[in-house]
Amino acid sequence: QVQVVESGGGLVQSGGSLTLSCAVSGFTGRSNSMSWYRQAPGKERELVATVYTGGGSTKYSESVKGRFTISRGDTLNTATLQMNTLRPEDTAVYYCNGDIWGNDYWGQGTLVSVSS
């Protein structure tokens, strides 16, 4: 059974940095892509960043472009999200998503809180 496990959330001051990690396991092969989404209180879940695990290309939401970096991990089906210059509006639960052969798999989420 496919599992998605996130780690790395926490509390940080505005302007600080955090790194989130994600690992997808329980299947054979490589995921199509891995993404990070976030959901702030009272808001809909939004896409933050995606890395296509084959070629390594990436895409970002406008709100994080230039501050966040998503990358493939050294181990197959892992990814990290480096978040710099964090702002209070980045506060949310961050979810890792793995696209495996067209099916979406989600982690439980990790809370990122940015204090002003």
PDB file of N, CA and C in Angstrom:
ATOM      1  N   GLN A   1       0.848  -1.180   0.000  1.00  0.00           N
ATOM      2  CA  GLN A   1       0.000   0.000   0.000  1.00  0.00           C
ATOM      3  C   GLN A   1       0.882   1.227   0.000  1.00  0.00           C
ATOM      4  N   VAL A   2       0.477   2.199  -0.798  1.00  0.00           N
ATOM      5  CA  VAL A   2       1.269   3.404  -0.948  1.00  0.00           C
ATOM      6  C   VAL A   2       1.167   4.266   0.304  1.00  0.00           C
ATOM      7  N   GLN A   3       2.300   4.761   0.751  1.00  0.00           N
ATOM      8  CA  GLN A   3       2.344   5.664   1.903  1.00  0.00           C
ATOM      9  C   GLN A   3       3.098   6.922   1.518  1.00  0.00           C
ATOM     10  N   VAL A   4       2.607   8.049   2.017  1.00  0.00           N
ATOM     11  CA  VAL A   4       3.257   9.341   1.817  1.00  0.00           C
ATOM     12  C   VAL A   4       3.535   9.908   3.201  1.00  0.00           C
ATOM     13  N   VAL A   5       4.791  10.167   3.486  1.00  0.00           N
ATOM     14  CA  VAL A   5       5.179  10.636   4.814  1.00  0.00           C
ATOM     15  C   VAL A   5       5.927  11.955   4.680  1.00  0.00           C
ATOM     16  N   GLU A   6       5.426  12.970   5.397  1.00  0.00           N
ATOM     17  CA  GLU A   6       6.069  14.293   5.396  1.00  0.00           C
ATOM     18  C   GLU A   6       6.781  14.506   6.721  1.00  0.00           C
ATOM     19  N   SER A   7       7.758  15.380   6.686  1.00  0.00           N
ATOM     20  CA  SER A   7       8.427  15.789   7.908  1.00  0.00           C
ATOM     21  C   SER A   7       9.009  17.176   7.717  1.00  0.00           C
ATOM     22  N   GLY A   8       9.305  17.846   8.842  1.00  0.00           N
ATOM     23  CA  GLY A   8      10.039  19.095   8.768  1.00  0.00           C
ATOM     24  C   GLY A   8       9.273  20.351   9.109  1.00  0.00           C
ATOM     25  N   GLY A   9       7.994  20.253   9.411  1.00  0.00           N
ATOM     26  CA  GLY A   9       7.259  21.459   9.761  1.00  0.00           C
ATOM     27  C   GLY A   9       7.681  21.988  11.124  1.00  0.00           C
ATOM     28  N   GLY A  10       7.148  23.151  11.476  1.00  0.00           N
ATOM     29  CA  GLY A  10       7.467  23.727  12.767  1.00  0.00           C
ATOM     30  C   GLY A  10       7.144  25.198  12.832  1.00  0.00           C
ATOM     31  N   LEU A  11       7.643  25.838  13.867  1.00  0.00           N
ATOM     32  CA  LEU A  11       7.425  27.266  14.097  1.00  0.00           C
ATOM     33  C   LEU A  11       8.700  28.025  13.770  1.00  0.00           C
ATOM     34  N   VAL A  12       8.542  29.099  13.025  1.00  0.00           N
ATOM     35  CA  VAL A  12       9.701  29.902  12.632  1.00  0.00           C
ATOM     36  C   VAL A  12       9.285  31.366  12.615  1.00  0.00           C
ATOM     37  N   GLN A  13      10.231  32.245  12.819  1.00  0.00           N
ATOM     38  CA  GLN A  13       9.947  33.675  12.750  1.00  0.00           C
ATOM     39  C   GLN A  13       9.920  34.143  11.300  1.00  0.00           C
ATOM     40  N   SER A  14       9.216  35.227  11.081  1.00  0.00           N
ATOM     41  CA  SER A  14       9.166  35.816   9.749  1.00  0.00           C
ATOM     42  C   SER A  14      10.577  36.094   9.235  1.00  0.00           C
ATOM     43  N   GLY A  15      10.822  35.721   8.002  1.00  0.00           N
ATOM     44  CA  GLY A  15      12.138  35.860   7.407  1.00  0.00           C
ATOM     45  C   GLY A  15      13.013  34.631   7.540  1.00  0.00           C
ATOM     46  N   GLY A  16      12.561  33.673   8.319  1.00  0.00           N
ATOM     47  CA  GLY A  16      13.322  32.461   8.547  1.00  0.00           C
ATOM     48  C   GLY A  16      13.131  31.417   7.455  1.00  0.00           C
ATOM     49  N   SER A  17      13.719  30.246   7.695  1.00  0.00           N
ATOM     50  CA  SER A  17      13.697  29.164   6.711  1.00  0.00           C
ATOM     51  C   SER A  17      13.288  27.847   7.355  1.00  0.00           C
ATOM     52  N   LEU A  18      12.686  26.992   6.551  1.00  0.00           N
ATOM     53  CA  LEU A  18      12.363  25.629   6.946  1.00  0.00           C
ATOM     54  C   LEU A  18      12.522  24.738   5.731  1.00  0.00           C
ATOM     55  N   THR A  19      12.801  23.462   5.994  1.00  0.00           N
ATOM     56  CA  THR A  19      12.862  22.474   4.916  1.00  0.00           C
ATOM     57  C   THR A  19      11.877  21.361   5.214  1.00  0.00           C
ATOM     58  N   LEU A  20      11.015  21.084   4.259  1.00  0.00           N
ATOM     59  CA  LEU A  20      10.072  19.981   4.354  1.00  0.00           C
ATOM     60  C   LEU A  20      10.579  18.822   3.503  1.00  0.00           C
ATOM     61  N   SER A  21      10.364  17.613   3.991  1.00  0.00           N
ATOM     62  CA  SER A  21      10.755  16.418   3.260  1.00  0.00           C
ATOM     63  C   SER A  21       9.557  15.511   3.067  1.00  0.00           C
ATOM     64  N   CYS A  22       9.580  14.768   1.977  1.00  0.00           N
ATOM     65  CA  CYS A  22       8.478  13.852   1.656  1.00  0.00           C
ATOM     66  C   CYS A  22       9.055  12.574   1.078  1.00  0.00           C
ATOM     67  N   ALA A  23       8.488  11.462   1.482  1.00  0.00           N
ATOM     68  CA  ALA A  23       8.888  10.170   0.937  1.00  0.00           C
ATOM     69  C   ALA A  23       7.640   9.374   0.602  1.00  0.00           C
ATOM     70  N   VAL A  24       7.615   8.833  -0.603  1.00  0.00           N
ATOM     71  CA  VAL A  24       6.505   7.995  -1.046  1.00  0.00           C
ATOM     72  C   VAL A  24       7.027   6.572  -1.181  1.00  0.00           C
ATOM     73  N   SER A  25       6.331   5.638  -0.585  1.00  0.00           N
ATOM     74  CA  SER A  25       6.789   4.251  -0.613  1.00  0.00           C
ATOM     75  C   SER A  25       5.598   3.322  -0.834  1.00  0.00           C
ATOM     76  N   GLY A  26       5.898   2.038  -0.993  1.00  0.00           N
ATOM     77  CA  GLY A  26       4.840   1.045  -1.108  1.00  0.00           C
ATOM     78  C   GLY A  26       4.471   0.671  -2.522  1.00  0.00           C
ATOM     79  N   PHE A  27       5.294   1.076  -3.489  1.00  0.00           N
ATOM     80  CA  PHE A  27       5.045   0.674  -4.873  1.00  0.00           C
ATOM     81  C   PHE A  27       6.391   0.534  -5.576  1.00  0.00           C
ATOM     82  N   THR A  28       6.355  -0.092  -6.718  1.00  0.00           N
ATOM     83  CA  THR A  28       7.572  -0.300  -7.501  1.00  0.00           C
ATOM     84  C   THR A  28       7.609   0.689  -8.648  1.00  0.00           C
ATOM     85  N   GLY A  29       8.733   1.338  -8.813  1.00  0.00           N
ATOM     86  CA  GLY A  29       8.876   2.288  -9.912  1.00  0.00           C
ATOM     87  C   GLY A  29       9.050   3.705  -9.431  1.00  0.00           C
ATOM     88  N   ARG A  30       8.784   4.656 -10.328  1.00  0.00           N
ATOM     89  CA  ARG A  30       8.971   6.067 -10.021  1.00  0.00           C
ATOM     90  C   ARG A  30       7.655   6.803 -10.186  1.00  0.00           C
ATOM     91  N   SER A  31       7.399   7.709  -9.272  1.00  0.00           N
ATOM     92  CA  SER A  31       6.209   8.544  -9.379  1.00  0.00           C
ATOM     93  C   SER A  31       6.356   9.482 -10.571  1.00  0.00           C
ATOM     94  N   ASN A  32       5.245   9.925 -11.128  1.00  0.00           N
ATOM     95  CA  ASN A  32       5.283  10.897 -12.218  1.00  0.00           C
ATOM     96  C   ASN A  32       5.757  12.245 -11.723  1.00  0.00           C
ATOM     97  N   SER A  33       5.234  12.641 -10.590  1.00  0.00           N
ATOM     98  CA  SER A  33       5.578  13.930 -10.009  1.00  0.00           C
ATOM     99  C   SER A  33       5.326  13.893  -8.513  1.00  0.00           C
ATOM    100  N   MET A  34       5.933  14.836  -7.837  1.00  0.00           N
ATOM    101  CA  MET A  34       5.674  15.040  -6.419  1.00  0.00           C
ATOM    102  C   MET A  34       5.432  16.526  -6.219  1.00  0.00           C
ATOM    103  N   SER A  35       4.441  16.820  -5.404  1.00  0.00           N
ATOM    104  CA  SER A  35       4.032  18.205  -5.220  1.00  0.00           C
ATOM    105  C   SER A  35       3.825  18.503  -3.741  1.00  0.00           C
ATOM    106  N   TRP A  36       3.901  19.770  -3.437  1.00  0.00           N
ATOM    107  CA  TRP A  36       3.507  20.272  -2.130  1.00  0.00           C
ATOM    108  C   TRP A  36       2.302  21.186  -2.314  1.00  0.00           C
ATOM    109  N   TYR A  37       1.301  20.950  -1.484  1.00  0.00           N
ATOM    110  CA  TYR A  37       0.130  21.804  -1.388  1.00  0.00           C
ATOM    111  C   TYR A  37       0.090  22.371   0.034  1.00  0.00           C
ATOM    112  N   ARG A  38      -0.708  23.399   0.202  1.00  0.00           N
ATOM    113  CA  ARG A  38      -0.905  23.914   1.552  1.00  0.00           C
ATOM    114  C   ARG A  38      -2.342  24.376   1.722  1.00  0.00           C
ATOM    115  N   GLN A  39      -2.774  24.341   2.978  1.00  0.00           N
ATOM    116  CA  GLN A  39      -4.127  24.791   3.300  1.00  0.00           C
ATOM    117  C   GLN A  39      -4.065  25.605   4.578  1.00  0.00           C
ATOM    118  N   ALA A  40      -4.387  26.870   4.445  1.00  0.00           N
ATOM    119  CA  ALA A  40      -4.443  27.766   5.592  1.00  0.00           C
ATOM    120  C   ALA A  40      -5.848  27.715   6.193  1.00  0.00           C
ATOM    121  N   PRO A  41      -5.988  28.088   7.452  1.00  0.00           N
ATOM    122  CA  PRO A  41      -7.313  28.060   8.089  1.00  0.00           C
ATOM    123  C   PRO A  41      -8.332  28.877   7.312  1.00  0.00           C
ATOM    124  N   GLY A  42      -9.452  28.263   7.022  1.00  0.00           N
ATOM    125  CA  GLY A  42     -10.525  28.951   6.324  1.00  0.00           C
ATOM    126  C   GLY A  42     -10.318  29.111   4.837  1.00  0.00           C
ATOM    127  N   LYS A  43      -9.257  28.522   4.291  1.00  0.00           N
ATOM    128  CA  LYS A  43      -8.976  28.661   2.867  1.00  0.00           C
ATOM    129  C   LYS A  43      -8.928  27.299   2.201  1.00  0.00           C
ATOM    130  N   GLU A  44      -9.018  27.318   0.878  1.00  0.00           N
ATOM    131  CA  GLU A  44      -8.927  26.081   0.125  1.00  0.00           C
ATOM    132  C   GLU A  44      -7.467  25.633  -0.003  1.00  0.00           C
ATOM    133  N   ARG A  45      -7.320  24.345  -0.229  1.00  0.00           N
ATOM    134  CA  ARG A  45      -5.977  23.814  -0.459  1.00  0.00           C
ATOM    135  C   ARG A  45      -5.453  24.361  -1.789  1.00  0.00           C
ATOM    136  N   GLU A  46      -4.200  24.785  -1.795  1.00  0.00           N
ATOM    137  CA  GLU A  46      -3.601  25.344  -3.007  1.00  0.00           C
ATOM    138  C   GLU A  46      -2.275  24.665  -3.318  1.00  0.00           C
ATOM    139  N   LEU A  47      -1.983  24.595  -4.603  1.00  0.00           N
ATOM    140  CA  LEU A  47      -0.722  24.024  -5.059  1.00  0.00           C
ATOM    141  C   LEU A  47       0.403  25.017  -4.810  1.00  0.00           C
ATOM    142  N   VAL A  48       1.486  24.542  -4.206  1.00  0.00           N
ATOM    143  CA  VAL A  48       2.643  25.380  -3.923  1.00  0.00           C
ATOM    144  C   VAL A  48       3.743  25.136  -4.943  1.00  0.00           C
ATOM    145  N   ALA A  49       4.102  23.871  -5.144  1.00  0.00           N
ATOM    146  CA  ALA A  49       5.213  23.552  -6.046  1.00  0.00           C
ATOM    147  C   ALA A  49       5.129  22.101  -6.488  1.00  0.00           C
ATOM    148  N   THR A  50       5.658  21.846  -7.687  1.00  0.00           N
ATOM    149  CA  THR A  50       5.681  20.498  -8.258  1.00  0.00           C
ATOM    150  C   THR A  50       7.057  20.230  -8.846  1.00  0.00           C
ATOM    151  N   VAL A  51       7.532  18.997  -8.666  1.00  0.00           N
ATOM    152  CA  VAL A  51       8.731  18.542  -9.367  1.00  0.00           C
ATOM    153  C   VAL A  51       8.376  17.280 -10.139  1.00  0.00           C
ATOM    154  N   TYR A  52       8.728  17.270 -11.407  1.00  0.00           N
ATOM    155  CA  TYR A  52       8.501  16.104 -12.257  1.00  0.00           C
ATOM    156  C   TYR A  52       9.720  15.205 -12.118  1.00  0.00           C
ATOM    157  N   THR A  53       9.492  14.037 -11.570  1.00  0.00           N
ATOM    158  CA  THR A  53      10.606  13.225 -11.102  1.00  0.00           C
ATOM    159  C   THR A  53      11.451  12.658 -12.245  1.00  0.00           C
ATOM    160  N   GLY A  54      10.899  12.581 -13.436  1.00  0.00           N
ATOM    161  CA  GLY A  54      11.690  12.079 -14.549  1.00  0.00           C
ATOM    162  C   GLY A  54      12.776  13.052 -14.960  1.00  0.00           C
ATOM    163  N   GLY A  55      12.367  14.226 -15.398  1.00  0.00           N
ATOM    164  CA  GLY A  55      13.328  15.208 -15.883  1.00  0.00           C
ATOM    165  C   GLY A  55      13.773  16.225 -14.862  1.00  0.00           C
ATOM    166  N   GLY A  56      13.046  16.300 -13.742  1.00  0.00           N
ATOM    167  CA  GLY A  56      13.421  17.247 -12.700  1.00  0.00           C
ATOM    168  C   GLY A  56      12.896  18.648 -12.887  1.00  0.00           C
ATOM    169  N   SER A  57      12.054  18.864 -13.902  1.00  0.00           N
ATOM    170  CA  SER A  57      11.510  20.209 -14.081  1.00  0.00           C
ATOM    171  C   SER A  57      10.576  20.549 -12.936  1.00  0.00           C
ATOM    172  N   THR A  58      10.401  21.837 -12.709  1.00  0.00           N
ATOM    173  CA  THR A  58       9.619  22.302 -11.568  1.00  0.00           C
ATOM    174  C   THR A  58       8.652  23.400 -11.969  1.00  0.00           C
ATOM    175  N   LYS A  59       7.646  23.605 -11.138  1.00  0.00           N
ATOM    176  CA  LYS A  59       6.771  24.752 -11.290  1.00  0.00           C
ATOM    177  C   LYS A  59       6.331  25.204  -9.909  1.00  0.00           C
ATOM    178  N   TYR A  60       6.020  26.511  -9.817  1.00  0.00           N
ATOM    179  CA  TYR A  60       5.701  27.125  -8.530  1.00  0.00           C
ATOM    180  C   TYR A  60       4.492  28.032  -8.647  1.00  0.00           C
ATOM    181  N   SER A  61       3.811  28.204  -7.518  1.00  0.00           N
ATOM    182  CA  SER A  61       2.785  29.231  -7.483  1.00  0.00           C
ATOM    183  C   SER A  61       3.471  30.591  -7.432  1.00  0.00           C
ATOM    184  N   GLU A  62       2.772  31.602  -7.890  1.00  0.00           N
ATOM    185  CA  GLU A  62       3.368  32.937  -7.910  1.00  0.00           C
ATOM    186  C   GLU A  62       3.719  33.426  -6.510  1.00  0.00           C
ATOM    187  N   SER A  63       2.957  33.009  -5.529  1.00  0.00           N
ATOM    188  CA  SER A  63       3.151  33.504  -4.166  1.00  0.00           C
ATOM    189  C   SER A  63       4.453  33.019  -3.524  1.00  0.00           C
ATOM    190  N   VAL A  64       5.036  31.939  -4.056  1.00  0.00           N
ATOM    191  CA  VAL A  64       6.257  31.400  -3.449  1.00  0.00           C
ATOM    192  C   VAL A  64       7.453  31.447  -4.392  1.00  0.00           C
ATOM    193  N   LYS A  65       7.215  31.806  -5.631  1.00  0.00           N
ATOM    194  CA  LYS A  65       8.294  31.814  -6.609  1.00  0.00           C
ATOM    195  C   LYS A  65       9.423  32.727  -6.139  1.00  0.00           C
ATOM    196  N   GLY A  66      10.637  32.219  -6.206  1.00  0.00           N
ATOM    197  CA  GLY A  66      11.802  32.990  -5.769  1.00  0.00           C
ATOM    198  C   GLY A  66      12.150  32.803  -4.299  1.00  0.00           C
ATOM    199  N   ARG A  67      11.219  32.235  -3.544  1.00  0.00           N
ATOM    200  CA  ARG A  67      11.474  31.999  -2.109  1.00  0.00           C
ATOM    201  C   ARG A  67      11.552  30.516  -1.769  1.00  0.00           C
ATOM    202  N   PHE A  68      10.779  29.701  -2.456  1.00  0.00           N
ATOM    203  CA  PHE A  68      10.741  28.263  -2.193  1.00  0.00           C
ATOM    204  C   PHE A  68      11.423  27.521  -3.340  1.00  0.00           C
ATOM    205  N   THR A  69      12.040  26.393  -2.996  1.00  0.00           N
ATOM    206  CA  THR A  69      12.665  25.539  -4.001  1.00  0.00           C
ATOM    207  C   THR A  69      12.283  24.093  -3.741  1.00  0.00           C
ATOM    208  N   ILE A  70      11.703  23.451  -4.754  1.00  0.00           N
ATOM    209  CA  ILE A  70      11.375  22.037  -4.657  1.00  0.00           C
ATOM    210  C   ILE A  70      12.407  21.250  -5.446  1.00  0.00           C
ATOM    211  N   SER A  71      12.796  20.110  -4.930  1.00  0.00           N
ATOM    212  CA  SER A  71      13.787  19.294  -5.623  1.00  0.00           C
ATOM    213  C   SER A  71      13.555  17.825  -5.336  1.00  0.00           C
ATOM    214  N   ARG A  72      14.037  17.018  -6.259  1.00  0.00           N
ATOM    215  CA  ARG A  72      14.018  15.577  -6.048  1.00  0.00           C
ATOM    216  C   ARG A  72      15.058  15.227  -5.005  1.00  0.00           C
ATOM    217  N   GLY A  73      14.740  14.219  -4.205  1.00  0.00           N
ATOM    218  CA  GLY A  73      15.706  13.763  -3.233  1.00  0.00           C
ATOM    219  C   GLY A  73      16.724  12.829  -3.861  1.00  0.00           C
ATOM    220  N   ASP A  74      17.745  12.488  -3.113  1.00  0.00           N
ATOM    221  CA  ASP A  74      18.754  11.553  -3.596  1.00  0.00           C
ATOM    222  C   ASP A  74      18.189  10.149  -3.721  1.00  0.00           C
ATOM    223  N   THR A  75      17.185   9.855  -2.919  1.00  0.00           N
ATOM    224  CA  THR A  75      16.525   8.550  -2.949  1.00  0.00           C
ATOM    225  C   THR A  75      15.296   8.635  -3.839  1.00  0.00           C
ATOM    226  N   LEU A  76      15.042   7.600  -4.628  1.00  0.00           N
ATOM    227  CA  LEU A  76      13.887   7.576  -5.518  1.00  0.00           C
ATOM    228  C   LEU A  76      12.611   7.843  -4.735  1.00  0.00           C
ATOM    229  N   ASN A  77      11.744   8.666  -5.322  1.00  0.00           N
ATOM    230  CA  ASN A  77      10.434   8.969  -4.764  1.00  0.00           C
ATOM    231  C   ASN A  77      10.499   9.738  -3.445  1.00  0.00           C
ATOM    232  N   THR A  78      11.493  10.586  -3.368  1.00  0.00           N
ATOM    233  CA  THR A  78      11.565  11.544  -2.263  1.00  0.00           C
ATOM    234  C   THR A  78      11.719  12.943  -2.832  1.00  0.00           C
ATOM    235  N   ALA A  79      11.319  13.926  -2.052  1.00  0.00           N
ATOM    236  CA  ALA A  79      11.409  15.310  -2.494  1.00  0.00           C
ATOM    237  C   ALA A  79      11.528  16.209  -1.274  1.00  0.00           C
ATOM    238  N   THR A  80      12.128  17.364  -1.488  1.00  0.00           N
ATOM    239  CA  THR A  80      12.225  18.339  -0.421  1.00  0.00           C
ATOM    240  C   THR A  80      11.690  19.684  -0.900  1.00  0.00           C
ATOM    241  N   LEU A  81      11.226  20.463   0.047  1.00  0.00           N
ATOM    242  CA  LEU A  81      10.782  21.823  -0.233  1.00  0.00           C
ATOM    243  C   LEU A  81      11.568  22.743   0.693  1.00  0.00           C
ATOM    244  N   GLN A  82      12.474  23.490   0.121  1.00  0.00           N
ATOM    245  CA  GLN A  82      13.250  24.465   0.887  1.00  0.00           C
ATOM    246  C   GLN A  82      12.493  25.776   0.869  1.00  0.00           C
ATOM    247  N   MET A  83      12.141  26.271   2.032  1.00  0.00           N
ATOM    248  CA  MET A  83      11.340  27.491   2.144  1.00  0.00           C
ATOM    249  C   MET A  83      12.173  28.571   2.817  1.00  0.00           C
ATOM    250  N   ASN A  84      12.434  29.623   2.095  1.00  0.00           N
ATOM    251  CA  ASN A  84      13.223  30.745   2.610  1.00  0.00           C
ATOM    252  C   ASN A  84      12.361  31.993   2.669  1.00  0.00           C
ATOM    253  N   THR A  85      12.837  32.956   3.420  1.00  0.00           N
ATOM    254  CA  THR A  85      12.155  34.237   3.571  1.00  0.00           C
ATOM    255  C   THR A  85      10.673  34.023   3.867  1.00  0.00           C
ATOM    256  N   LEU A  86      10.402  33.205   4.848  1.00  0.00           N
ATOM    257  CA  LEU A  86       9.019  32.868   5.180  1.00  0.00           C
ATOM    258  C   LEU A  86       8.275  34.085   5.707  1.00  0.00           C
ATOM    259  N   ARG A  87       6.985  34.104   5.414  1.00  0.00           N
ATOM    260  CA  ARG A  87       6.103  35.199   5.809  1.00  0.00           C
ATOM    261  C   ARG A  87       4.952  34.642   6.632  1.00  0.00           C
ATOM    262  N   PRO A  88       4.326  35.465   7.443  1.00  0.00           N
ATOM    263  CA  PRO A  88       3.172  34.972   8.212  1.00  0.00           C
ATOM    264  C   PRO A  88       2.091  34.358   7.324  1.00  0.00           C
ATOM    265  N   GLU A  89       1.923  34.866   6.135  1.00  0.00           N
ATOM    266  CA  GLU A  89       0.897  34.323   5.243  1.00  0.00           C
ATOM    267  C   GLU A  89       1.263  32.951   4.678  1.00  0.00           C
ATOM    268  N   ASP A  90       2.471  32.472   4.943  1.00  0.00           N
ATOM    269  CA  ASP A  90       2.834  31.110   4.558  1.00  0.00           C
ATOM    270  C   ASP A  90       2.358  30.087   5.590  1.00  0.00           C
ATOM    271  N   THR A  91       1.834  30.566   6.700  1.00  0.00           N
ATOM    272  CA  THR A  91       1.328  29.665   7.734  1.00  0.00           C
ATOM    273  C   THR A  91       0.207  28.806   7.185  1.00  0.00           C
ATOM    274  N   ALA A  92       0.371  27.488   7.314  1.00  0.00           N
ATOM    275  CA  ALA A  92      -0.603  26.535   6.765  1.00  0.00           C
ATOM    276  C   ALA A  92      -0.170  25.117   7.119  1.00  0.00           C
ATOM    277  N   VAL A  93      -1.066  24.193   6.874  1.00  0.00           N
ATOM    278  CA  VAL A  93      -0.687  22.784   6.873  1.00  0.00           C
ATOM    279  C   VAL A  93      -0.214  22.450   5.464  1.00  0.00           C
ATOM    280  N   TYR A  94       0.962  21.904   5.364  1.00  0.00           N
ATOM    281  CA  TYR A  94       1.562  21.569   4.074  1.00  0.00           C
ATOM    282  C   TYR A  94       1.420  20.073   3.839  1.00  0.00           C
ATOM    283  N   TYR A  95       0.915  19.733   2.662  1.00  0.00           N
ATOM    284  CA  TYR A  95       0.665  18.345   2.290  1.00  0.00           C
ATOM    285  C   TYR A  95       1.536  17.951   1.106  1.00  0.00           C
ATOM    286  N   CYS A  96       2.115  16.776   1.195  1.00  0.00           N
ATOM    287  CA  CYS A  96       2.846  16.224   0.060  1.00  0.00           C
ATOM    288  C   CYS A  96       1.894  15.353  -0.761  1.00  0.00           C
ATOM    289  N   ASN A  97       2.017  15.469  -2.052  1.00  0.00           N
ATOM    290  CA  ASN A  97       1.209  14.680  -2.982  1.00  0.00           C
ATOM    291  C   ASN A  97       2.122  13.936  -3.942  1.00  0.00           C
ATOM    292  N   GLY A  98       1.839  12.652  -4.121  1.00  0.00           N
ATOM    293  CA  GLY A  98       2.557  11.870  -5.117  1.00  0.00           C
ATOM    294  C   GLY A  98       1.606  11.444  -6.215  1.00  0.00           C
ATOM    295  N   ASP A  99       1.984  11.745  -7.438  1.00  0.00           N
ATOM    296  CA  ASP A  99       1.208  11.309  -8.605  1.00  0.00           C
ATOM    297  C   ASP A  99       1.854  10.025  -9.108  1.00  0.00           C
ATOM    298  N   ILE A 100       1.173   8.915  -8.895  1.00  0.00           N
ATOM    299  CA  ILE A 100       1.709   7.610  -9.265  1.00  0.00           C
ATOM    300  C   ILE A 100       0.770   6.999 -10.290  1.00  0.00           C
ATOM    301  N   TRP A 101       1.242   6.978 -11.518  1.00  0.00           N
ATOM    302  CA  TRP A 101       0.472   6.407 -12.635  1.00  0.00           C
ATOM    303  C   TRP A 101      -0.932   7.001 -12.724  1.00  0.00           C
ATOM    304  N   GLY A 102      -1.025   8.306 -12.500  1.00  0.00           N
ATOM    305  CA  GLY A 102      -2.291   9.001 -12.621  1.00  0.00           C
ATOM    306  C   GLY A 102      -3.151   9.021 -11.376  1.00  0.00           C
ATOM    307  N   ASN A 103      -2.718   8.373 -10.329  1.00  0.00           N
ATOM    308  CA  ASN A 103      -3.454   8.369  -9.065  1.00  0.00           C
ATOM    309  C   ASN A 103      -2.758   9.270  -8.059  1.00  0.00           C
ATOM    310  N   ASP A 104      -3.559   9.994  -7.295  1.00  0.00           N
ATOM    311  CA  ASP A 104      -3.020  10.910  -6.284  1.00  0.00           C
ATOM    312  C   ASP A 104      -2.969  10.243  -4.918  1.00  0.00           C
ATOM    313  N   TYR A 105      -1.835  10.416  -4.271  1.00  0.00           N
ATOM    314  CA  TYR A 105      -1.669   9.917  -2.907  1.00  0.00           C
ATOM    315  C   TYR A 105      -1.206  11.080  -2.040  1.00  0.00           C
ATOM    316  N   TRP A 106      -1.786  11.151  -0.844  1.00  0.00           N
ATOM    317  CA  TRP A 106      -1.565  12.302   0.038  1.00  0.00           C
ATOM    318  C   TRP A 106      -0.973  11.882   1.377  1.00  0.00           C
ATOM    319  N   GLY A 107      -0.143  12.753   1.893  1.00  0.00           N
ATOM    320  CA  GLY A 107       0.336  12.593   3.244  1.00  0.00           C
ATOM    321  C   GLY A 107      -0.642  13.181   4.238  1.00  0.00           C
ATOM    322  N   GLN A 108      -0.319  13.060   5.507  1.00  0.00           N
ATOM    323  CA  GLN A 108      -1.191  13.555   6.576  1.00  0.00           C
ATOM    324  C   GLN A 108      -1.063  15.057   6.788  1.00  0.00           C
ATOM    325  N   GLY A 109       0.025  15.626   6.292  1.00  0.00           N
ATOM    326  CA  GLY A 109       0.235  17.061   6.445  1.00  0.00           C
ATOM    327  C   GLY A 109       1.181  17.380   7.587  1.00  0.00           C
ATOM    328  N   THR A 110       1.862  18.497   7.435  1.00  0.00           N
ATOM    329  CA  THR A 110       2.763  18.979   8.485  1.00  0.00           C
ATOM    330  C   THR A 110       2.539  20.480   8.637  1.00  0.00           C
ATOM    331  N   LEU A 111       2.441  20.936   9.865  1.00  0.00           N
ATOM    332  CA  LEU A 111       2.093  22.327  10.121  1.00  0.00           C
ATOM    333  C   LEU A 111       3.328  23.224  10.067  1.00  0.00           C
ATOM    334  N   VAL A 112       3.201  24.300   9.318  1.00  0.00           N
ATOM    335  CA  VAL A 112       4.214  25.351   9.282  1.00  0.00           C
ATOM    336  C   VAL A 112       3.578  26.620   9.835  1.00  0.00           C
ATOM    337  N   SER A 113       4.159  27.154  10.873  1.00  0.00           N
ATOM    338  CA  SER A 113       3.664  28.392  11.478  1.00  0.00           C
ATOM    339  C   SER A 113       4.759  29.445  11.425  1.00  0.00           C
ATOM    340  N   VAL A 114       4.419  30.607  10.884  1.00  0.00           N
ATOM    341  CA  VAL A 114       5.376  31.699  10.763  1.00  0.00           C
ATOM    342  C   VAL A 114       4.877  32.864  11.601  1.00  0.00           C
ATOM    343  N   SER A 115       5.650  33.238  12.589  1.00  0.00           N
ATOM    344  CA  SER A 115       5.256  34.338  13.471  1.00  0.00           C
ATOM    345  C   SER A 115       5.817  35.657  12.955  1.00  0.00           C
ATOM    346  N   SER A 116       5.075  36.707  13.209  1.00  0.00           N
ATOM    347  CA  SER A 116       5.502  38.030  12.727  1.00  0.00           C
ATOM    348  C   SER A 116       6.394  38.739  13.735  1.00  0.00           C
TER     349      SER A 116
END
